[in-house]
């Protein structure tokens, strides 16, 4: 494995011990493979332990807990992290926006002279290449004796899908929120599109809007009727002109369908923008009315004071 394929940082300062990069050991595993069992002595020791102390400059912040931030790089994903430290509670956050995932309580590993060390084995349910570990402690210093990461190399795929439906489904399942009717239709449409052509680009916006709103169907029905009449009429002409008439009818149908769908999308967005504009104007009017009312009240109070 290439050296230094990850990055690690901490919000607290290093007070004693080794370089922060010596804290971490790495194993690379294949996707869906079980992590290999490890010996705790192999991932901890005097050559790895680091004492972190609270930064006095950020001590007054409302959220000044020690956070260890790990990034596995764009080509790898984290599947499991093992930590040995003297904090018994860790909060896990993942992703670019550090979404809260879960709070973990450590297993007591050792106790010596009043000092306790805890073992955490955090298995990640979703693929992520970045995480943040927040150590919940009441003291101003924290020993971390070792961190072991299991990395899975992501396969190289030139045609990456626009939307990861699996991740979307997992996220919606975890959120325990019901989708609206339009949102369900949108998700179904995108899934159908991606299953039909996995190397294609984003779904056509016109088709998406027609799928969600159901407004294009009647338009296309009328177009089909008109096109059919043209085709039927063209079959009554001589054979030499028959092929040309059919081609013209088909081109007319395609162009009308495309223009109709584009017009519907344009109308939809124009309507949305008009609604937004009207809401903004109403909000501005309300704000000015409130300011005018407050100004009148202040002037009335000043006049009352001057008349005394």
Foldseek 3Di string as FASTA:
>chain_A
DDPPQKDKDKLFAWDDAEDQVLQEDEDEDAPPDDDDDDDPVVFFDRNHKTKTFFDPVCPPPPDRFMKMKMFNHPFKWFFKKKWKKQFQKKWKFFDPVRHTDDIGGFCFDDADPRGTITMDIDGDPDTGRMMMITGDDDDRMMMTGHMYTYMHGDDDDPQAAPDDLVVVVVVCVVVVDDDDQLVVQLSVVQVVVCVVPVRDHGDDPLVSVCSRPVPCVVVLVVLVVVLVVQLVVLVPDDPVCNVVSNVVSVVSSVVSSVVVSVVVVVVVVVVVVVVVVVVVVVVVVVVVVVVVVVVVVVVVVVVVVVVD
